[in-house]
Structures are given as structure tokens and as C-alpha cells.
Amino acid sequence: MKTLTLSICAFLISPFLYAQNVGVGTTTPAEKLDVNGNLNISGQLKVNADSGKASQVLMKNAGNNLVWGDISEYKNMAEYDCGNIAFSPGLSNCSQGWTVPTGVTKVLIECWGGGGGGCSLTGGGGGSYISCILTVTPGDLITFTIGAGGVYGTSTTFGIVGGATSFTYGGFNYFATGGQGGPFGDPFSTNVNSATIPLGGLFGSSAPNNFIGFNGQAGGLSKLSFTQTGATEFARIVEYGNGGDAAILPNSGAKGGYRISSASYLQNMYGAQQAPLPGGGGSADYGYGWSGRGGRVIVHY
């Protein structure tokens, strides 16, 4: 009879015990298992019977559920540059193709247009930038046109505009145009205030809303100043304009040259021969200027 009574009591009490929260280090547990202190696990930590894969972390998905996931959605990238120089607009651009690998269904693509060529009055404009996220199909070929850098100007010609970088996928076109070329003229005798400032490239797409972009920076204006070098002598100083920065790439435009001239002294210090980063505008210089840098495409997958 005693055994039967205990069994009935356990049967009546056990559902209430199972419905309660369990606390370790706390008398008022707020969850099914509430641990106040460190937790040491010698085996696997599983979430919904899943222990995750190497390099994954726990995170919440769009449904507010805890899952294992990757910190970076894109683990690989392919990079394509254009080292060519365009001697007239639209020429010398580069063509590259990328085939979507097996298992890849989404990519992030970044594009920069080419930098414009510099000339004596200003540096060339910087190339623009566009990026987009695409849903893709493995095996598809995505072909890019990568803008060439614009060649420098001369004593009678403007620097050449940088080439546009573009591609089409899913019926939509994406483009980042190059920066404009710098105008010619002698800063010693030309009114630089009337010079046409070469604008940076523009961006755009026929897609509705799956892209972002930024315009390139305008080319820098050459500056004329004077300094006294003796009791009756003055020198003219020209700080030649920098090339415009490519969008989102600070200091990517080439640095301009420097010239100081007087009756008894002449010193020329030439600027950078090419912009250091893709899409950077070519600088102005005593020898007219320097060419812009070609564009770039980066595919993250």
C-alpha cells in the first residue's frame, strides 16, 4: 500500500515538476535552463540538432531563429583591372569574363570607371563607382567592359576621358563612367579661373534598386602664386593640379607637379606618372600632364 501511494503522488507531482524552469546558481530561473555562472562544454554545442560547420558562428536569421551561419557571405573574390590607356574616348577598354562557379547563387560586384587624363591646367577627373548584389545561376558567363585610363593632354589638346566600366546581367545594365580629361593651357599666362574643371565619372543602371554608386572626384586646378627671392626679384610658382580621386578610394588621384621660375632660377619637380589606385585621375604637370588609371571590377562570391 505504501509503494502504491508513493507512485500515485509521483504521478500527480511530476507534470508540475517538468513544467518548471530549472536554475543552476539561481533560485529564480527565468528560462527552461537558467545558468548563473560559467558554462563548460566538452562536446558539441547543437542548435536544433545542428552543431554547425567549421568557421561558422551562431546568429539569428530573418525569422528571428538562432542558426549557424558565416560571418562573411562572400568568401572568395575575382579581380580584373585594365592597364590600357585610351587615346580617344571609348577605345582601348578591356574585356573580361567570369563564369559563375558551381554552388554560387549570389554575388556582389564592384566596378570603377577609368580616370581621365591630366593636362597643364587641371588634373583629370576620377572614375565613378557602382556595386550591386545579383542572384545568379551557376555556369552563367558575366562579361565586363573595364574602362581604360584616359591619355594625358598636350599643348593643344585636352586630356582624354577615362573609359566606362559596365556589364549586363538579367536584362539590366550597370555602368560606372570615367572621369573627364583636363584642359590645356600655360598656367603662367592663362587665366586658370576660367578653366573647365574636369568632372568625375557618373554611375547608373537600368535596374530598379539593387545597386549603389558614387561619382568620381573632379580634377584639381593648377595654382599660380608668387614669392620674393631677392631685393628686386620675384619668382612664379605653379602647383599643378592633382588628379581627381576615384569614388570611395581616397588619395587615388595622381599628385601634380611643381615649378618655380624667376630670372635667375628654374626648378621643375614632376608629378606622379600614374594614379596609384584604379580609376584615379591623371595629374597636371609642366610636361602637360599624366594619364589616368584604368578601371577595375571585383566579383565577391
Protein backbone atom coordinates (compact mmCIF):
# COMPACT_ATOMS: atom_id res chain seq x y z
CA MET A 1 0.00 0.00 0.00
CA LYS A 2 2.87 2.42 0.79
CA THR A 3 4.50 1.78 -2.59
CA LEU A 4 1.24 2.39 -4.40
CA THR A 5 0.68 5.68 -2.54
CA LEU A 6 4.17 6.98 -3.44
CA SER A 7 3.69 6.05 -7.09
CA ILE A 8 0.39 7.94 -7.25
CA CYS A 9 2.00 11.02 -5.62
CA ALA A 10 4.91 10.95 -8.06
CA PHE A 11 2.47 10.67 -10.97
CA LEU A 12 0.49 13.69 -9.73
CA ILE A 13 3.52 15.84 -8.96
CA SER A 14 5.80 15.01 -11.94
CA PRO A 15 3.90 17.08 -14.59
CA PHE A 16 4.26 20.15 -12.41
CA LEU A 17 7.97 19.49 -11.96
CA TYR A 18 8.50 19.10 -15.70
CA ALA A 19 6.68 22.38 -16.38
CA GLN A 20 9.01 24.37 -14.11
CA ASN A 21 12.22 26.25 -15.08
CA VAL A 22 15.49 24.79 -13.83
CA GLY A 23 18.09 27.03 -12.31
CA VAL A 24 21.80 26.44 -11.73
CA GLY A 25 23.25 29.05 -9.38
CA THR A 26 19.90 30.85 -9.17
CA THR A 27 16.71 30.24 -7.22
CA THR A 28 14.56 32.18 -9.66
CA PRO A 29 15.28 30.71 -13.13
CA ALA A 30 13.66 32.67 -15.95
CA GLU A 31 14.19 30.04 -18.67
CA LYS A 32 13.86 26.27 -19.00
CA LEU A 33 17.54 26.14 -18.07
CA ASP A 34 18.96 29.27 -16.42
CA VAL A 35 22.67 29.14 -15.51
CA ASN A 36 24.20 31.88 -13.38
CA GLY A 37 27.93 31.39 -13.96
CA ASN A 38 30.34 29.88 -16.46
CA LEU A 39 29.32 27.01 -18.72
CA ASN A 40 31.89 24.40 -19.77
CA ILE A 41 31.02 22.07 -22.65
CA SER A 42 33.38 19.26 -23.56
CA GLY A 43 31.32 18.07 -26.53
CA GLN A 44 29.42 19.77 -29.36
CA LEU A 45 27.04 22.69 -28.93
CA LYS A 46 23.96 21.91 -31.03
CA VAL A 47 21.13 24.20 -32.08
CA ASN A 48 18.08 22.35 -33.39
CA ALA A 49 20.23 19.21 -33.62
CA ASP A 50 22.84 21.06 -35.73
CA SER A 51 26.39 21.64 -34.46
CA GLY A 52 27.35 23.88 -37.41
CA LYS A 53 30.36 23.78 -39.72
CA ALA A 54 33.95 24.97 -39.42
CA SER A 55 34.33 28.77 -39.07
CA GLN A 56 30.58 29.30 -38.58
CA VAL A 57 29.09 31.32 -35.71
CA LEU A 58 25.68 31.44 -34.06
CA MET A 59 23.41 34.17 -35.42
CA LYS A 60 19.75 34.99 -35.91
CA ASN A 61 18.13 34.62 -39.31
CA ALA A 62 15.32 36.68 -40.84
CA GLY A 63 12.78 34.58 -38.91
CA ASN A 64 14.44 35.55 -35.60
CA ASN A 65 15.60 31.97 -35.11
CA LEU A 66 19.05 31.00 -33.88
CA VAL A 67 21.11 29.30 -36.60
CA TRP A 68 24.70 28.61 -37.53
CA GLY A 69 25.97 30.96 -40.25
CA ASP A 70 29.00 32.52 -41.90
CA ILE A 71 30.33 35.93 -40.77
CA SER A 72 31.02 36.84 -44.39
CA GLU A 73 28.51 35.91 -47.05
CA TYR A 74 31.20 36.09 -49.72
CA LYS A 75 34.36 34.06 -49.07
CA ASN A 76 36.10 34.49 -52.42
CA MET A 77 36.71 37.23 -54.97
CA ALA A 78 37.91 37.64 -58.54
CA GLU A 79 39.62 40.90 -59.56
CA TYR A 80 40.05 42.36 -63.04
CA ASP A 81 41.97 45.50 -63.98
CA CYS A 82 42.50 47.50 -67.16
CA GLY A 83 46.05 48.77 -67.58
CA ASN A 84 45.34 50.21 -71.03
CA ILE A 85 45.47 53.90 -71.94
CA ALA A 86 42.75 55.33 -74.20
CA PHE A 87 43.92 57.76 -76.89
CA SER A 88 40.34 58.63 -77.84
CA PRO A 89 37.06 58.11 -75.98
CA GLY A 90 35.82 54.53 -75.96
CA LEU A 91 38.99 52.93 -77.31
CA SER A 92 41.41 50.58 -75.55
CA ASN A 93 38.88 49.41 -72.96
CA CYS A 94 39.44 45.88 -71.66
CA SER A 95 37.08 42.90 -71.89
CA GLN A 96 36.95 40.22 -69.20
CA GLY A 97 34.59 37.35 -68.46
CA TRP A 98 33.73 35.46 -65.27
CA THR A 99 31.84 32.18 -65.09
CA VAL A 100 29.61 31.63 -62.05
CA PRO A 101 31.05 28.63 -60.14
CA THR A 102 29.05 25.60 -59.07
CA GLY A 103 27.05 26.23 -55.91
CA VAL A 104 27.17 30.03 -56.17
CA THR A 105 23.76 31.70 -56.41
CA LYS A 106 24.52 35.24 -55.21
CA VAL A 107 27.38 37.64 -55.95
CA LEU A 108 28.44 41.18 -55.07
CA ILE A 109 30.03 43.06 -57.97
CA GLU A 110 32.04 46.30 -57.65
CA CYS A 111 33.04 48.46 -60.64
CA TRP A 112 35.19 51.57 -61.13
CA GLY A 113 35.42 53.64 -64.30
CA GLY A 114 38.79 54.80 -65.65
CA GLY A 115 40.44 58.04 -64.60
CA GLY A 116 40.63 60.98 -67.02
CA GLY A 117 43.93 62.19 -68.42
CA GLY A 118 45.50 65.29 -66.88
CA CYS A 119 46.79 68.35 -68.72
CA SER A 120 48.61 71.54 -67.74
CA LEU A 121 45.67 73.46 -66.27
CA THR A 122 44.00 70.68 -64.25
CA GLY A 123 44.25 67.06 -63.34
CA GLY A 124 41.83 64.57 -64.86
CA GLY A 125 38.60 63.58 -63.13
CA GLY A 126 38.35 60.36 -61.12
CA GLY A 127 36.30 57.36 -62.20
CA SER A 128 32.91 56.64 -60.64
CA TYR A 129 31.85 53.53 -58.70
CA ILE A 130 28.87 51.21 -58.71
CA SER A 131 28.17 47.99 -56.80
CA CYS A 132 25.26 45.60 -56.89
CA ILE A 133 24.08 42.29 -55.44
CA LEU A 134 22.87 39.80 -58.02
CA THR A 135 21.08 36.47 -57.88
CA VAL A 136 22.96 34.33 -60.39
CA THR A 137 22.87 30.87 -61.95
CA PRO A 138 25.93 28.58 -61.83
CA GLY A 139 27.54 28.24 -65.24
CA ASP A 140 26.44 31.68 -66.48
CA LEU A 141 29.13 33.85 -68.07
CA ILE A 142 29.23 37.51 -66.96
CA THR A 143 31.22 39.68 -69.38
CA PHE A 144 32.66 43.02 -68.26
CA THR A 145 33.94 46.02 -70.18
CA ILE A 146 36.58 47.69 -68.00
CA GLY A 147 37.35 51.34 -68.72
CA ALA A 148 40.85 52.33 -69.81
CA GLY A 149 42.60 55.32 -68.30
CA GLY A 150 42.47 58.48 -70.43
CA VAL A 151 45.71 59.64 -72.02
CA TYR A 152 47.21 63.00 -70.99
CA GLY A 153 46.66 66.18 -72.99
CA THR A 154 49.15 68.24 -74.99
CA SER A 155 49.76 71.93 -75.64
CA THR A 156 46.75 71.97 -77.98
CA THR A 157 44.51 69.09 -76.84
CA PHE A 158 42.55 68.18 -73.73
CA GLY A 159 43.27 65.06 -71.76
CA ILE A 160 41.09 62.11 -72.80
CA VAL A 161 38.10 60.97 -70.77
CA GLY A 162 38.53 57.69 -68.89
CA GLY A 163 36.69 54.67 -70.25
CA ALA A 164 33.41 53.41 -68.78
CA THR A 165 33.21 50.11 -66.90
CA SER A 166 29.98 48.20 -67.47
CA PHE A 167 28.25 44.83 -67.65
CA THR A 168 24.77 43.42 -68.25
CA TYR A 169 23.07 40.58 -66.36
CA GLY A 170 19.46 39.51 -66.01
CA GLY A 171 18.42 42.07 -68.61
CA PHE A 172 19.81 45.01 -66.59
CA ASN A 173 22.81 47.16 -67.42
CA TYR A 174 25.20 48.58 -64.81
CA PHE A 175 27.84 51.22 -65.57
CA ALA A 176 30.47 53.46 -63.95
CA THR A 177 31.77 56.09 -66.36
CA GLY A 178 35.28 57.52 -66.40
CA GLY A 179 36.45 60.96 -65.31
CA GLN A 180 36.77 63.81 -67.81
CA GLY A 181 40.13 64.95 -69.21
CA GLY A 182 41.92 68.13 -68.14
CA PRO A 183 42.15 71.25 -70.38
CA PHE A 184 45.36 72.55 -71.89
CA GLY A 185 46.99 75.95 -71.35
CA ASP A 186 50.01 77.55 -69.69
CA PRO A 187 49.24 78.46 -66.05
CA PHE A 188 51.88 81.23 -66.36
CA SER A 189 49.78 83.07 -68.92
CA THR A 190 46.30 81.54 -68.86
CA ASN A 191 43.53 82.68 -66.53
CA VAL A 192 43.06 79.39 -64.71
CA ASN A 193 39.88 80.71 -63.09
CA SER A 194 38.19 80.32 -66.47
CA ALA A 195 39.44 76.76 -66.97
CA THR A 196 36.89 73.99 -67.38
CA ILE A 197 37.12 71.76 -64.34
CA PRO A 198 37.03 68.09 -65.44
CA LEU A 199 34.27 66.35 -63.54
CA GLY A 200 34.48 62.88 -62.09
CA GLY A 201 32.63 59.99 -63.67
CA LEU A 202 28.95 59.18 -63.11
CA PHE A 203 27.20 55.90 -62.37
CA GLY A 204 23.85 54.36 -63.25
CA SER A 205 21.81 51.28 -64.02
CA SER A 206 18.60 50.22 -65.69
CA ALA A 207 17.89 48.04 -62.63
CA PRO A 208 15.27 49.42 -60.20
CA ASN A 209 17.00 49.33 -56.81
CA ASN A 210 19.66 46.65 -56.30
CA PHE A 211 22.71 48.92 -56.63
CA ILE A 212 24.54 51.80 -55.00
CA GLY A 213 27.11 54.15 -56.51
CA PHE A 214 29.21 57.27 -56.08
CA ASN A 215 30.53 59.84 -58.54
CA GLY A 216 34.26 60.34 -59.03
CA GLN A 217 36.02 63.46 -57.79
CA ALA A 218 36.74 66.41 -60.09
CA GLY A 219 40.30 67.09 -61.20
CA GLY A 220 42.33 69.61 -59.22
CA LEU A 221 43.07 73.09 -60.60
CA SER A 222 46.66 74.24 -61.13
CA LYS A 223 47.53 77.21 -58.89
CA LEU A 224 49.82 80.16 -59.69
CA SER A 225 51.46 82.17 -56.90
CA PHE A 226 54.47 84.48 -56.45
CA THR A 227 57.27 84.77 -53.93
CA GLN A 228 60.07 87.29 -53.48
CA THR A 229 63.50 85.75 -53.97
CA GLY A 230 65.65 88.90 -53.75
CA ALA A 231 65.54 92.64 -53.32
CA THR A 232 64.28 93.16 -56.88
CA GLU A 233 63.44 89.64 -57.99
CA PHE A 234 60.24 87.64 -57.76
CA ALA A 235 59.58 84.03 -58.70
CA ARG A 236 56.45 82.47 -60.13
CA ILE A 237 55.31 79.21 -58.57
CA VAL A 238 52.90 76.75 -60.17
CA GLU A 239 51.41 73.95 -58.11
CA TYR A 240 49.97 71.69 -60.78
CA GLY A 241 46.59 70.14 -60.09
CA ASN A 242 46.14 66.65 -58.67
CA GLY A 243 44.11 64.06 -60.45
CA GLY A 244 40.62 63.51 -59.04
CA ASP A 245 40.14 60.61 -56.67
CA ALA A 246 38.18 57.62 -57.85
CA ALA A 247 34.93 57.20 -55.92
CA ILE A 248 35.37 55.72 -52.39
CA LEU A 249 39.16 55.47 -52.91
CA PRO A 250 40.82 58.38 -51.06
CA ASN A 251 44.18 59.58 -52.42
CA SER A 252 43.76 57.57 -55.62
CA GLY A 253 44.36 60.56 -57.93
CA ALA A 254 47.92 61.19 -59.14
CA LYS A 255 49.81 64.03 -57.44
CA GLY A 256 50.58 67.09 -59.58
CA GLY A 257 53.99 68.58 -60.29
CA TYR A 258 55.60 71.79 -59.05
CA ARG A 259 57.52 74.56 -60.85
CA ILE A 260 59.30 77.65 -59.59
CA SER A 261 60.70 80.16 -62.11
CA SER A 262 62.49 83.50 -61.87
CA ALA A 263 65.01 85.50 -63.91
CA SER A 264 67.88 83.58 -62.33
CA TYR A 265 66.29 80.32 -61.21
CA LEU A 266 64.22 77.49 -62.68
CA GLN A 267 63.21 74.26 -60.99
CA ASN A 268 60.71 71.64 -62.17
CA MET A 269 59.53 68.78 -60.00
CA TYR A 270 57.41 66.38 -61.97
CA GLY A 271 54.27 64.82 -60.60
CA ALA A 272 53.35 61.16 -60.25
CA GLN A 273 53.42 59.35 -63.57
CA GLN A 274 50.22 57.44 -62.85
CA ALA A 275 47.48 57.36 -60.26
CA PRO A 276 48.18 54.78 -57.52
CA LEU A 277 44.73 53.14 -57.49
CA PRO A 278 42.20 52.13 -60.16
CA GLY A 279 40.05 54.92 -61.52
CA GLY A 280 42.35 57.70 -60.28
CA GLY A 281 42.66 60.78 -62.49
CA GLY A 282 45.98 61.72 -64.09
CA SER A 283 47.72 64.79 -62.68
CA ALA A 284 48.62 68.12 -64.30
CA ASP A 285 52.30 68.83 -64.87
CA TYR A 286 54.84 71.06 -66.60
CA GLY A 287 55.07 68.45 -69.34
CA TYR A 288 51.30 68.83 -69.94
CA GLY A 289 50.13 66.04 -67.62
CA TRP A 290 49.85 62.31 -66.95
CA SER A 291 47.42 59.60 -67.98
CA GLY A 292 44.59 58.39 -65.77
CA ARG A 293 44.48 54.91 -64.27
CA GLY A 294 42.27 52.22 -65.77
CA GLY A 295 39.16 50.92 -64.03
CA ARG A 296 38.58 47.75 -62.05
CA VAL A 297 35.97 45.05 -61.44
CA ILE A 298 35.81 42.91 -58.30
CA VAL A 299 33.43 39.96 -58.03
CA HIS A 300 32.75 38.72 -54.49
CA TYR A 301 31.22 35.24 -54.26
